[in-house]
Amino acid sequence: MKKTFKFFFEPSEEQYYVYYESLGKTLLFKVDQVNPTMLSRVFESAMFLSSFERGQVIEEMEEFVKKEFEKLQDRF
């Protein structure tokens, strides 16, 4: 089962987003805050996703966002 994470910045909204996709699960969240990481759901299409699985996916997304922001900070 391949997971895809994408982290991107939307210039017109001046907002960061994180995208997750895996076998029948698609989630798009807005990054509200980095430390601690706070995400807001924008779009979610996940068939057969229990609340436990959803919680795990969100934790993975939060860790991914932290790592991506660390990479950004290291560049400056």
PDB file of N, CA and C in Angstrom:
ATOM      1  N   MET A   1       0.848  -1.177   0.000  1.00  0.00           N
ATOM      2  CA  MET A   1       0.000   0.000   0.000  1.00  0.00           C
ATOM      3  C   MET A   1       0.894   1.241   0.000  1.00  0.00           C
ATOM      4  N   LYS A   2       0.889   1.976  -1.090  1.00  0.00           N
ATOM      5  CA  LYS A   2       1.718   3.160  -1.242  1.00  0.00           C
ATOM      6  C   LYS A   2       0.992   4.398  -0.723  1.00  0.00           C
ATOM      7  N   LYS A   3       1.705   5.170   0.075  1.00  0.00           N
ATOM      8  CA  LYS A   3       1.165   6.418   0.614  1.00  0.00           C
ATOM      9  C   LYS A   3       1.855   7.580  -0.083  1.00  0.00           C
ATOM     10  N   THR A   4       1.098   8.600  -0.386  1.00  0.00           N
ATOM     11  CA  THR A   4       1.647   9.801  -1.005  1.00  0.00           C
ATOM     12  C   THR A   4       1.340  10.994  -0.118  1.00  0.00           C
ATOM     13  N   PHE A   5       2.392  11.721   0.252  1.00  0.00           N
ATOM     14  CA  PHE A   5       2.254  12.963   0.995  1.00  0.00           C
ATOM     15  C   PHE A   5       2.782  14.078   0.118  1.00  0.00           C
ATOM     16  N   LYS A   6       2.086  15.190   0.102  1.00  0.00           N
ATOM     17  CA  LYS A   6       2.564  16.370  -0.607  1.00  0.00           C
ATOM     18  C   LYS A   6       2.339  17.575   0.283  1.00  0.00           C
ATOM     19  N   PHE A   7       3.321  18.434   0.309  1.00  0.00           N
ATOM     20  CA  PHE A   7       3.286  19.644   1.119  1.00  0.00           C
ATOM     21  C   PHE A   7       3.458  20.807   0.156  1.00  0.00           C
ATOM     22  N   PHE A   8       2.549  21.755   0.193  1.00  0.00           N
ATOM     23  CA  PHE A   8       2.651  22.862  -0.753  1.00  0.00           C
ATOM     24  C   PHE A   8       2.111  24.150  -0.158  1.00  0.00           C
ATOM     25  N   PHE A   9       2.512  25.245  -0.792  1.00  0.00           N
ATOM     26  CA  PHE A   9       2.114  26.588  -0.381  1.00  0.00           C
ATOM     27  C   PHE A   9       1.225  27.179  -1.465  1.00  0.00           C
ATOM     28  N   GLU A  10       0.106  27.743  -1.084  1.00  0.00           N
ATOM     29  CA  GLU A  10      -0.816  28.404  -2.016  1.00  0.00           C
ATOM     30  C   GLU A  10      -0.608  29.909  -1.866  1.00  0.00           C
ATOM     31  N   PRO A  11       0.081  30.525  -2.841  1.00  0.00           N
ATOM     32  CA  PRO A  11       0.421  31.953  -2.728  1.00  0.00           C
ATOM     33  C   PRO A  11      -0.785  32.885  -2.637  1.00  0.00           C
ATOM     34  N   SER A  12      -1.837  32.596  -3.371  1.00  0.00           N
ATOM     35  CA  SER A  12      -2.985  33.503  -3.353  1.00  0.00           C
ATOM     36  C   SER A  12      -3.664  33.549  -1.990  1.00  0.00           C
ATOM     37  N   GLU A  13      -3.582  32.443  -1.245  1.00  0.00           N
ATOM     38  CA  GLU A  13      -4.180  32.396   0.095  1.00  0.00           C
ATOM     39  C   GLU A  13      -3.136  32.568   1.194  1.00  0.00           C
ATOM     40  N   GLU A  14      -1.858  32.569   0.793  1.00  0.00           N
ATOM     41  CA  GLU A  14      -0.749  32.618   1.744  1.00  0.00           C
ATOM     42  C   GLU A  14      -0.919  31.545   2.821  1.00  0.00           C
ATOM     43  N   GLN A  15      -1.112  30.318   2.348  1.00  0.00           N
ATOM     44  CA  GLN A  15      -1.440  29.208   3.236  1.00  0.00           C
ATOM     45  C   GLN A  15      -0.703  27.939   2.801  1.00  0.00           C
ATOM     46  N   TYR A  16      -0.224  27.174   3.789  1.00  0.00           N
ATOM     47  CA  TYR A  16       0.377  25.866   3.524  1.00  0.00           C
ATOM     48  C   TYR A  16      -0.700  24.796   3.612  1.00  0.00           C
ATOM     49  N   TYR A  17      -0.526  23.755   2.798  1.00  0.00           N
ATOM     50  CA  TYR A  17      -1.448  22.624   2.786  1.00  0.00           C
ATOM     51  C   TYR A  17      -0.656  21.326   2.786  1.00  0.00           C
ATOM     52  N   VAL A  18      -1.292  20.280   3.285  1.00  0.00           N
ATOM     53  CA  VAL A  18      -0.717  18.938   3.210  1.00  0.00           C
ATOM     54  C   VAL A  18      -1.774  18.020   2.597  1.00  0.00           C
ATOM     55  N   TYR A  19      -1.311  17.201   1.650  1.00  0.00           N
ATOM     56  CA  TYR A  19      -2.191  16.310   0.899  1.00  0.00           C
ATOM     57  C   TYR A  19      -1.747  14.878   1.159  1.00  0.00           C
ATOM     58  N   TYR A  20      -2.708  13.996   1.370  1.00  0.00           N
ATOM     59  CA  TYR A  20      -2.426  12.585   1.622  1.00  0.00           C
ATOM     60  C   TYR A  20      -3.281  11.752   0.690  1.00  0.00           C
ATOM     61  N   GLU A  21      -2.658  10.745   0.096  1.00  0.00           N
ATOM     62  CA  GLU A  21      -3.412   9.836  -0.765  1.00  0.00           C
ATOM     63  C   GLU A  21      -2.882   8.420  -0.589  1.00  0.00           C
ATOM     64  N   SER A  22      -3.801   7.495  -0.458  1.00  0.00           N
ATOM     65  CA  SER A  22      -3.477   6.087  -0.343  1.00  0.00           C
ATOM     66  C   SER A  22      -4.719   5.304  -0.723  1.00  0.00           C
ATOM     67  N   LEU A  23      -4.565   4.234  -1.380  1.00  0.00           N
ATOM     68  CA  LEU A  23      -5.596   3.301  -1.788  1.00  0.00           C
ATOM     69  C   LEU A  23      -7.020   3.659  -1.314  1.00  0.00           C
ATOM     70  N   GLY A  24      -7.709   4.511  -2.052  1.00  0.00           N
ATOM     71  CA  GLY A  24      -9.087   4.876  -1.741  1.00  0.00           C
ATOM     72  C   GLY A  24      -9.248   5.954  -0.688  1.00  0.00           C
ATOM     73  N   LYS A  25      -8.152   6.532  -0.240  1.00  0.00           N
ATOM     74  CA  LYS A  25      -8.206   7.567   0.802  1.00  0.00           C
ATOM     75  C   LYS A  25      -7.525   8.823   0.285  1.00  0.00           C
ATOM     76  N   THR A  26      -8.237   9.923   0.318  1.00  0.00           N
ATOM     77  CA  THR A  26      -7.679  11.208  -0.090  1.00  0.00           C
ATOM     78  C   THR A  26      -8.055  12.245   0.953  1.00  0.00           C
ATOM     79  N   LEU A  27      -7.055  12.918   1.498  1.00  0.00           N
ATOM     80  CA  LEU A  27      -7.296  13.953   2.496  1.00  0.00           C
ATOM     81  C   LEU A  27      -6.476  15.185   2.148  1.00  0.00           C
ATOM     82  N   LEU A  28      -7.080  16.341   2.285  1.00  0.00           N
ATOM     83  CA  LEU A  28      -6.394  17.618   2.091  1.00  0.00           C
ATOM     84  C   LEU A  28      -6.658  18.461   3.332  1.00  0.00           C
ATOM     85  N   PHE A  29      -5.584  18.881   3.988  1.00  0.00           N
ATOM     86  CA  PHE A  29      -5.707  19.668   5.202  1.00  0.00           C
ATOM     87  C   PHE A  29      -4.921  20.957   5.076  1.00  0.00           C
ATOM     88  N   LYS A  30      -5.432  21.996   5.691  1.00  0.00           N
ATOM     89  CA  LYS A  30      -4.759  23.290   5.772  1.00  0.00           C
ATOM     90  C   LYS A  30      -3.894  23.275   7.029  1.00  0.00           C
ATOM     91  N   VAL A  31      -2.672  23.778   6.921  1.00  0.00           N
ATOM     92  CA  VAL A  31      -1.768  23.849   8.069  1.00  0.00           C
ATOM     93  C   VAL A  31      -2.019  25.180   8.770  1.00  0.00           C
ATOM     94  N   ASP A  32      -2.633  25.113   9.939  1.00  0.00           N
ATOM     95  CA  ASP A  32      -2.962  26.323  10.696  1.00  0.00           C
ATOM     96  C   ASP A  32      -1.813  26.793  11.569  1.00  0.00           C
ATOM     97  N   GLN A  33      -1.052  25.838  12.071  1.00  0.00           N
ATOM     98  CA  GLN A  33       0.010  26.148  13.021  1.00  0.00           C
ATOM     99  C   GLN A  33       1.026  25.024  12.945  1.00  0.00           C
ATOM    100  N   VAL A  34       2.295  25.352  13.189  1.00  0.00           N
ATOM    101  CA  VAL A  34       3.338  24.339  13.070  1.00  0.00           C
ATOM    102  C   VAL A  34       3.719  23.735  14.413  1.00  0.00           C
ATOM    103  N   ASN A  35       3.895  24.557  15.443  1.00  0.00           N
ATOM    104  CA  ASN A  35       4.357  24.037  16.720  1.00  0.00           C
ATOM    105  C   ASN A  35       3.443  24.467  17.857  1.00  0.00           C
ATOM    106  N   PRO A  36       2.588  23.627  18.364  1.00  0.00           N
ATOM    107  CA  PRO A  36       2.304  22.272  17.908  1.00  0.00           C
ATOM    108  C   PRO A  36       1.539  22.305  16.578  1.00  0.00           C
ATOM    109  N   THR A  37       1.667  21.221  15.858  1.00  0.00           N
ATOM    110  CA  THR A  37       1.036  21.149  14.539  1.00  0.00           C
ATOM    111  C   THR A  37      -0.480  21.093  14.682  1.00  0.00           C
ATOM    112  N   MET A  38      -1.139  21.992  13.968  1.00  0.00           N
ATOM    113  CA  MET A  38      -2.603  22.004  13.949  1.00  0.00           C
ATOM    114  C   MET A  38      -3.053  22.030  12.501  1.00  0.00           C
ATOM    115  N   LEU A  39      -3.897  21.082  12.149  1.00  0.00           N
ATOM    116  CA  LEU A  39      -4.402  20.958  10.793  1.00  0.00           C
ATOM    117  C   LEU A  39      -5.910  21.148  10.779  1.00  0.00           C
ATOM    118  N   SER A  40      -6.429  21.710   9.708  1.00  0.00           N
ATOM    119  CA  SER A  40      -7.871  21.875   9.518  1.00  0.00           C
ATOM    120  C   SER A  40      -8.267  21.169   8.229  1.00  0.00           C
ATOM    121  N   ARG A  41      -9.300  20.364   8.319  1.00  0.00           N
ATOM    122  CA  ARG A  41      -9.743  19.609   7.152  1.00  0.00           C
ATOM    123  C   ARG A  41     -10.299  20.538   6.091  1.00  0.00           C
ATOM    124  N   VAL A  42      -9.870  20.335   4.856  1.00  0.00           N
ATOM    125  CA  VAL A  42     -10.391  21.057   3.714  1.00  0.00           C
ATOM    126  C   VAL A  42     -11.218  20.096   2.881  1.00  0.00           C
ATOM    127  N   PHE A  43     -10.661  18.902   2.654  1.00  0.00           N
ATOM    128  CA  PHE A  43     -11.332  17.897   1.840  1.00  0.00           C
ATOM    129  C   PHE A  43     -10.952  16.520   2.363  1.00  0.00           C
ATOM    130  N   GLU A  44     -11.926  15.617   2.384  1.00  0.00           N
ATOM    131  CA  GLU A  44     -11.656  14.264   2.830  1.00  0.00           C
ATOM    132  C   GLU A  44     -12.556  13.304   2.061  1.00  0.00           C
ATOM    133  N   SER A  45     -11.937  12.379   1.381  1.00  0.00           N
ATOM    134  CA  SER A  45     -12.655  11.338   0.668  1.00  0.00           C
ATOM    135  C   SER A  45     -12.003  10.025   1.033  1.00  0.00           C
ATOM    136  N   ALA A  46     -12.562   9.363   2.012  1.00  0.00           N
ATOM    137  CA  ALA A  46     -11.946   8.134   2.502  1.00  0.00           C
ATOM    138  C   ALA A  46     -13.019   7.086   2.761  1.00  0.00           C
ATOM    139  N   MET A  47     -13.118   6.158   1.861  1.00  0.00           N
ATOM    140  CA  MET A  47     -14.066   5.065   2.051  1.00  0.00           C
ATOM    141  C   MET A  47     -13.465   4.064   3.032  1.00  0.00           C
ATOM    142  N   PHE A  48     -14.250   3.579   3.938  1.00  0.00           N
ATOM    143  CA  PHE A  48     -13.836   2.565   4.899  1.00  0.00           C
ATOM    144  C   PHE A  48     -12.689   3.017   5.790  1.00  0.00           C
ATOM    145  N   LEU A  49     -12.761   4.228   6.266  1.00  0.00           N
ATOM    146  CA  LEU A  49     -11.737   4.765   7.147  1.00  0.00           C
ATOM    147  C   LEU A  49     -12.334   4.940   8.533  1.00  0.00           C
ATOM    148  N   SER A  50     -11.886   4.114   9.466  1.00  0.00           N
ATOM    149  CA  SER A  50     -12.401   4.203  10.834  1.00  0.00           C
ATOM    150  C   SER A  50     -11.801   5.421  11.522  1.00  0.00           C
ATOM    151  N   SER A  51     -12.362   5.786  12.646  1.00  0.00           N
ATOM    152  CA  SER A  51     -11.842   6.948  13.373  1.00  0.00           C
ATOM    153  C   SER A  51     -10.422   6.683  13.856  1.00  0.00           C
ATOM    154  N   PHE A  52     -10.112   5.423  14.183  1.00  0.00           N
ATOM    155  CA  PHE A  52      -8.753   5.064  14.597  1.00  0.00           C
ATOM    156  C   PHE A  52      -7.771   5.254  13.441  1.00  0.00           C
ATOM    157  N   GLU A  53      -8.133   4.744  12.262  1.00  0.00           N
ATOM    158  CA  GLU A  53      -7.282   4.899  11.080  1.00  0.00           C
ATOM    159  C   GLU A  53      -7.114   6.370  10.721  1.00  0.00           C
ATOM    160  N   ARG A  54      -8.201   7.122  10.803  1.00  0.00           N
ATOM    161  CA  ARG A  54      -8.159   8.553  10.493  1.00  0.00           C
ATOM    162  C   ARG A  54      -7.189   9.263  11.432  1.00  0.00           C
ATOM    163  N   GLY A  55      -7.244   8.901  12.700  1.00  0.00           N
ATOM    164  CA  GLY A  55      -6.325   9.481  13.684  1.00  0.00           C
ATOM    165  C   GLY A  55      -4.880   9.169  13.359  1.00  0.00           C
ATOM    166  N   GLN A  56      -4.612   7.925  12.921  1.00  0.00           N
ATOM    167  CA  GLN A  56      -3.252   7.544  12.548  1.00  0.00           C
ATOM    168  C   GLN A  56      -2.772   8.332  11.333  1.00  0.00           C
ATOM    169  N   VAL A  57      -3.647   8.491  10.341  1.00  0.00           N
ATOM    170  CA  VAL A  57      -3.294   9.236   9.134  1.00  0.00           C
ATOM    171  C   VAL A  57      -2.986  10.686   9.484  1.00  0.00           C
ATOM    172  N   ILE A  58      -3.797  11.284  10.339  1.00  0.00           N
ATOM    173  CA  ILE A  58      -3.569  12.678  10.728  1.00  0.00           C
ATOM    174  C   ILE A  58      -2.249  12.815  11.482  1.00  0.00           C
ATOM    175  N   GLU A  59      -1.921  11.838  12.345  1.00  0.00           N
ATOM    176  CA  GLU A  59      -0.630  11.870  13.047  1.00  0.00           C
ATOM    177  C   GLU A  59       0.523  11.800  12.048  1.00  0.00           C
ATOM    178  N   GLU A  60       0.385  10.940  11.041  1.00  0.00           N
ATOM    179  CA  GLU A  60       1.419  10.841  10.008  1.00  0.00           C
ATOM    180  C   GLU A  60       1.546  12.163   9.249  1.00  0.00           C
ATOM    181  N   MET A  61       0.409  12.799   8.965  1.00  0.00           N
ATOM    182  CA  MET A  61       0.420  14.078   8.264  1.00  0.00           C
ATOM    183  C   MET A  61       1.107  15.136   9.113  1.00  0.00           C
ATOM    184  N   GLU A  62       0.845  15.155  10.410  1.00  0.00           N
ATOM    185  CA  GLU A  62       1.463  16.131  11.308  1.00  0.00           C
ATOM    186  C   GLU A  62       2.975  15.953  11.350  1.00  0.00           C
ATOM    187  N   GLU A  63       3.442  14.705  11.428  1.00  0.00           N
ATOM    188  CA  GLU A  63       4.877  14.435  11.431  1.00  0.00           C
ATOM    189  C   GLU A  63       5.511  14.860  10.112  1.00  0.00           C
ATOM    190  N   PHE A  64       4.825  14.594   9.017  1.00  0.00           N
ATOM    191  CA  PHE A  64       5.310  14.990   7.699  1.00  0.00           C
ATOM    192  C   PHE A  64       5.443  16.510   7.612  1.00  0.00           C
ATOM    193  N   VAL A  65       4.450  17.232   8.103  1.00  0.00           N
ATOM    194  CA  VAL A  65       4.480  18.698   8.078  1.00  0.00           C
ATOM    195  C   VAL A  65       5.661  19.222   8.903  1.00  0.00           C
ATOM    196  N   LYS A  66       5.887  18.652  10.083  1.00  0.00           N
ATOM    197  CA  LYS A  66       7.007  19.086  10.925  1.00  0.00           C
ATOM    198  C   LYS A  66       8.328  18.923  10.180  1.00  0.00           C
ATOM    199  N   LYS A  67       8.501  17.775   9.525  1.00  0.00           N
ATOM    200  CA  LYS A  67       9.744  17.514   8.799  1.00  0.00           C
ATOM    201  C   LYS A  67       9.909  18.476   7.630  1.00  0.00           C
ATOM    202  N   GLU A  68       8.831  18.767   6.936  1.00  0.00           N
ATOM    203  CA  GLU A  68       8.903  19.676   5.799  1.00  0.00           C
ATOM    204  C   GLU A  68       9.240  21.097   6.242  1.00  0.00           C
ATOM    205  N   PHE A  69       8.680  21.549   7.364  1.00  0.00           N
ATOM    206  CA  PHE A  69       9.011  22.872   7.873  1.00  0.00           C
ATOM    207  C   PHE A  69      10.464  22.929   8.346  1.00  0.00           C
ATOM    208  N   GLU A  70      10.954  21.834   8.921  1.00  0.00           N
ATOM    209  CA  GLU A  70      12.357  21.793   9.316  1.00  0.00           C
ATOM    210  C   GLU A  70      13.258  21.930   8.098  1.00  0.00           C
ATOM    211  N   LYS A  71      12.890  21.275   7.001  1.00  0.00           N
ATOM    212  CA  LYS A  71      13.659  21.400   5.759  1.00  0.00           C
ATOM    213  C   LYS A  71      13.659  22.845   5.261  1.00  0.00           C
ATOM    214  N   LEU A  72      12.499  23.493   5.348  1.00  0.00           N
ATOM    215  CA  LEU A  72      12.406  24.884   4.923  1.00  0.00           C
ATOM    216  C   LEU A  72      13.294  25.780   5.779  1.00  0.00           C
ATOM    217  N   GLN A  73      13.307  25.563   7.080  1.00  0.00           N
ATOM    218  CA  GLN A  73      14.109  26.382   7.974  1.00  0.00           C
ATOM    219  C   GLN A  73      15.591  26.167   7.744  1.00  0.00           C
ATOM    220  N   ASP A  74      15.974  24.944   7.387  1.00  0.00           N
ATOM    221  CA  ASP A  74      17.387  24.638   7.146  1.00  0.00           C
ATOM    222  C   ASP A  74      17.903  25.349   5.903  1.00  0.00           C
ATOM    223  N   ARG A  75      17.017  25.684   4.971  1.00  0.00           N
ATOM    224  CA  ARG A  75      17.422  26.363   3.749  1.00  0.00           C
ATOM    225  C   ARG A  75      17.764  27.826   3.992  1.00  0.00           C
ATOM    226  N   PHE A  76      17.252  28.398   5.081  1.00  0.00           N
ATOM    227  CA  PHE A  76      17.458  29.836   5.320  1.00  0.00           C
ATOM    228  C   PHE A  76      18.467  30.060   6.392  1.00  0.00           C
TER     229      PHE A  76
END
